[in-house]
Amino acid sequence: MMEFLSIVMLVFDILQIILFFKIWGMTNDISRIRSIIEKEIQQKTIAKHNKIPNENAINLLKGTWGKDVSEEEKNMAQSLVPKLMDNEVILLIKGKLVVYDSNSLSELNDYKIIYYK
């Protein structure tokens, strides 16, 4: 009887170890899913504020000028573009250019995207 109980407990222990590593692997999957969802939210935010289709928001992520940006605005922003880090955006807020983190765009109300990297 003790041998049977020992075998059952050994199998149970092995299954718990396997379950532990399965759950650990799933946490990595969740972080990948979260990064994909965050990227989608950024694209939709850009598309919403620039009133452009979502496909074009993907181009903005690569580092392009926003929609309806005048030559004067491009000239003003030209010196800031090389200094931009990933996920930073140049915005026009109340006539002034501001470099802002794209993850926090939802905090702002009235702005125009000049350049997005």
Protein backbone atom coordinates (compact mmCIF):
# COMPACT_ATOMS: atom_id res chain seq x y z
CA MET A 1 0.00 0.00 0.00
CA MET A 2 2.84 2.39 0.83
CA GLU A 3 4.47 1.68 -2.54
CA PHE A 4 1.28 2.57 -4.40
CA LEU A 5 0.90 5.79 -2.39
CA SER A 6 4.56 6.68 -3.05
CA ILE A 7 4.12 6.17 -6.80
CA VAL A 8 0.96 8.29 -6.86
CA MET A 9 2.71 11.09 -4.93
CA LEU A 10 5.73 10.92 -7.25
CA VAL A 11 3.49 11.23 -10.32
CA PHE A 12 1.62 14.09 -8.65
CA ASP A 13 4.91 15.90 -7.88
CA ILE A 14 6.13 15.51 -11.46
CA LEU A 15 2.83 16.84 -12.81
CA GLN A 16 3.05 19.86 -10.50
CA ILE A 17 6.55 20.67 -11.77
CA ILE A 18 5.33 20.42 -15.37
CA LEU A 19 2.37 22.67 -14.54
CA PHE A 20 4.71 25.23 -12.94
CA PHE A 21 6.79 25.54 -16.12
CA LYS A 22 3.68 25.68 -18.31
CA ILE A 23 2.32 28.60 -16.28
CA TRP A 24 5.72 30.31 -16.39
CA GLY A 25 5.72 30.00 -20.19
CA MET A 26 2.23 31.47 -20.38
CA THR A 27 3.37 34.62 -18.56
CA ASN A 28 5.82 35.25 -21.41
CA ASP A 29 2.99 34.83 -23.90
CA ILE A 30 0.88 37.35 -21.99
CA SER A 31 3.65 39.96 -22.08
CA ARG A 32 3.91 39.50 -25.88
CA ILE A 33 0.14 39.84 -26.23
CA ARG A 34 0.20 42.97 -24.08
CA SER A 35 2.88 44.62 -26.24
CA ILE A 36 0.85 43.84 -29.38
CA ILE A 37 -2.29 45.34 -27.83
CA GLU A 38 -0.39 48.46 -26.70
CA LYS A 39 0.97 48.94 -30.24
CA GLU A 40 -2.58 48.64 -31.65
CA ILE A 41 -3.83 51.25 -29.16
CA GLN A 42 -1.03 53.63 -30.19
CA GLN A 43 -1.89 53.18 -33.86
CA LYS A 44 -5.59 53.81 -33.22
CA THR A 45 -4.79 56.91 -31.15
CA ILE A 46 -2.63 58.31 -33.93
CA ALA A 47 -5.26 57.53 -36.54
CA LYS A 48 -8.00 59.09 -34.42
CA HIS A 49 -6.19 62.37 -33.83
CA ASN A 50 -4.90 62.68 -37.37
CA LYS A 51 -8.19 61.49 -38.89
CA ILE A 52 -6.36 59.01 -41.12
CA PRO A 53 -7.01 55.33 -41.77
CA ASN A 54 -5.42 52.82 -39.42
CA GLU A 55 -3.16 51.40 -42.19
CA ASN A 56 -1.45 54.79 -42.51
CA ALA A 57 -0.90 54.94 -38.76
CA ILE A 58 1.54 52.06 -39.22
CA ASN A 59 3.63 54.29 -41.52
CA LEU A 60 3.74 56.92 -38.81
CA LEU A 61 5.28 54.37 -36.45
CA LYS A 62 8.24 54.01 -38.82
CA GLY A 63 9.05 57.70 -38.64
CA THR A 64 7.11 59.91 -41.01
CA TRP A 65 5.36 63.22 -41.04
CA GLY A 66 1.80 63.49 -39.76
CA LYS A 67 -1.16 64.32 -41.94
CA ASP A 68 -1.67 67.91 -43.13
CA VAL A 69 1.71 69.09 -41.86
CA SER A 70 2.69 72.36 -43.53
CA GLU A 71 6.17 73.14 -44.80
CA GLU A 72 6.54 75.74 -42.04
CA GLU A 73 5.77 73.11 -39.38
CA LYS A 74 8.23 70.70 -41.01
CA ASN A 75 10.94 73.36 -40.96
CA MET A 76 10.25 74.11 -37.29
CA ALA A 77 10.44 70.40 -36.37
CA GLN A 78 13.42 69.54 -38.57
CA SER A 79 15.98 70.08 -35.79
CA LEU A 80 14.03 67.86 -33.36
CA VAL A 81 13.58 64.86 -35.67
CA PRO A 82 17.14 63.42 -35.36
CA LYS A 83 16.97 63.65 -31.57
CA LEU A 84 13.76 61.61 -31.23
CA MET A 85 13.91 58.33 -29.37
CA ASP A 86 11.67 55.37 -30.20
CA ASN A 87 8.03 55.91 -29.19
CA GLU A 88 8.44 59.69 -29.10
CA VAL A 89 6.37 62.06 -31.14
CA ILE A 90 6.61 65.74 -32.06
CA LEU A 91 3.32 67.50 -31.35
CA LEU A 92 2.03 70.96 -32.05
CA ILE A 93 0.20 72.19 -28.95
CA LYS A 94 -1.10 75.77 -28.89
CA GLY A 95 1.39 76.84 -31.55
CA LYS A 96 4.44 75.30 -29.84
CA LEU A 97 6.34 72.15 -30.75
CA VAL A 98 6.60 69.58 -27.96
CA VAL A 99 8.37 66.21 -27.86
CA TYR A 100 6.08 63.78 -26.07
CA ASP A 101 6.01 60.09 -25.18
CA SER A 102 3.57 58.35 -27.52
CA ASN A 103 2.41 56.03 -24.72
CA SER A 104 0.87 59.03 -22.95
CA LEU A 105 -1.02 60.58 -25.87
CA SER A 106 -4.36 59.71 -24.31
CA GLU A 107 -3.64 62.24 -21.54
CA LEU A 108 -3.70 65.13 -24.04
CA ASN A 109 -6.75 66.72 -25.62
CA ASP A 110 -5.96 69.23 -28.36
CA TYR A 111 -2.83 68.53 -30.38
CA LYS A 112 -1.61 67.87 -33.88
CA ILE A 113 0.97 65.16 -34.65
CA ILE A 114 3.84 66.62 -36.65
CA TYR A 115 6.27 63.71 -36.71
CA TYR A 116 6.16 60.23 -35.21
CA LYS A 117 9.07 57.84 -34.80
